[in-house]
Amino acid sequence: DERADDVRRIYSTTDASEALLLMRKYGVEYVYVGRLESLYYPRAGLEKFDNALSEQLENVYQNEEVKVYRLREG
């Protein structure tokens, strides 16, 4: 399934531009990174949400196990 593959790619890729393009393709508004995502996806892929995509994503919620980001307009 193309969509499932794209979701895996969003979380796994270290290429911020590719992840952003895929998020916009599906109209993603929020990205959830919790315990399950931390188990299944590489750390480098998840770190891009805090680092390379920090200008495009706003951290709207965080606790010890979960981060939720909102994709900014534009």
Protein backbone atom coordinates (compact mmCIF):
# COMPACT_ATOMS: atom_id res chain seq x y z
CA ASP A 1 0.00 0.00 0.00
CA GLU A 2 1.52 3.31 -1.12
CA ARG A 3 0.17 5.33 1.80
CA ALA A 4 1.55 2.89 4.41
CA ASP A 5 4.93 2.96 2.67
CA ASP A 6 4.86 6.76 2.67
CA VAL A 7 4.05 6.89 6.39
CA ARG A 8 7.00 4.59 7.10
CA ARG A 9 9.16 6.84 4.95
CA ILE A 10 8.05 10.01 6.79
CA TYR A 11 9.18 8.54 10.09
CA SER A 12 12.30 6.73 8.81
CA THR A 13 13.97 9.08 6.36
CA THR A 14 16.65 11.49 7.45
CA ASP A 15 15.85 13.63 4.41
CA ALA A 16 13.72 16.44 5.85
CA SER A 17 12.64 17.66 2.39
CA GLU A 18 11.33 14.22 1.46
CA ALA A 19 9.43 13.90 4.75
CA LEU A 20 7.92 17.37 4.35
CA LEU A 21 6.86 16.65 0.77
CA LEU A 22 5.12 13.43 1.85
CA MET A 23 3.41 15.15 4.79
CA ARG A 24 2.07 17.85 2.50
CA LYS A 25 0.96 15.20 -0.05
CA TYR A 26 -1.39 13.73 2.56
CA GLY A 27 -2.42 16.98 4.24
CA VAL A 28 -0.79 16.02 7.52
CA GLU A 29 -1.55 18.50 10.28
CA TYR A 30 -0.03 16.68 13.27
CA VAL A 31 2.82 14.21 13.74
CA TYR A 32 2.75 11.88 16.75
CA VAL A 33 5.98 10.35 18.04
CA GLY A 34 5.45 8.00 20.95
CA ARG A 35 6.72 4.73 22.36
CA LEU A 36 5.63 2.66 19.34
CA GLU A 37 7.28 4.98 16.83
CA SER A 38 10.47 4.94 18.92
CA LEU A 39 10.50 1.14 18.77
CA TYR A 40 9.80 0.81 15.04
CA TYR A 41 11.63 3.71 13.41
CA PRO A 42 15.32 4.67 13.47
CA ARG A 43 16.35 7.36 15.92
CA ALA A 44 17.95 9.45 13.14
CA GLY A 45 14.62 9.49 11.31
CA LEU A 46 12.73 10.66 14.38
CA GLU A 47 15.32 13.27 15.35
CA LYS A 48 14.63 15.25 12.18
CA PHE A 49 11.32 16.41 13.69
CA ASP A 50 13.25 18.33 16.38
CA ASN A 51 16.20 19.31 14.21
CA ALA A 52 15.92 19.63 10.44
CA LEU A 53 12.17 20.27 10.49
CA SER A 54 12.11 22.62 13.48
CA GLU A 55 11.14 25.58 11.26
CA GLN A 56 8.20 23.69 9.70
CA LEU A 57 6.96 21.91 12.82
CA GLU A 58 5.81 23.30 16.14
CA ASN A 59 6.03 21.07 19.22
CA VAL A 60 2.53 21.35 20.69
CA TYR A 61 2.74 18.62 23.33
CA GLN A 62 5.47 16.70 25.07
CA ASN A 63 5.95 14.37 28.01
CA GLU A 64 8.51 11.66 28.82
CA GLU A 65 7.27 9.28 26.10
CA VAL A 66 5.34 11.37 23.60
CA LYS A 67 5.88 14.37 21.35
CA VAL A 68 3.21 15.88 19.14
CA TYR A 69 4.13 18.32 16.40
CA ARG A 70 1.88 20.57 14.32
CA LEU A 71 2.84 21.29 10.73
CA ARG A 72 2.94 25.04 10.19
CA GLU A 73 1.13 26.61 7.24
CA GLY A 74 3.03 27.25 4.04
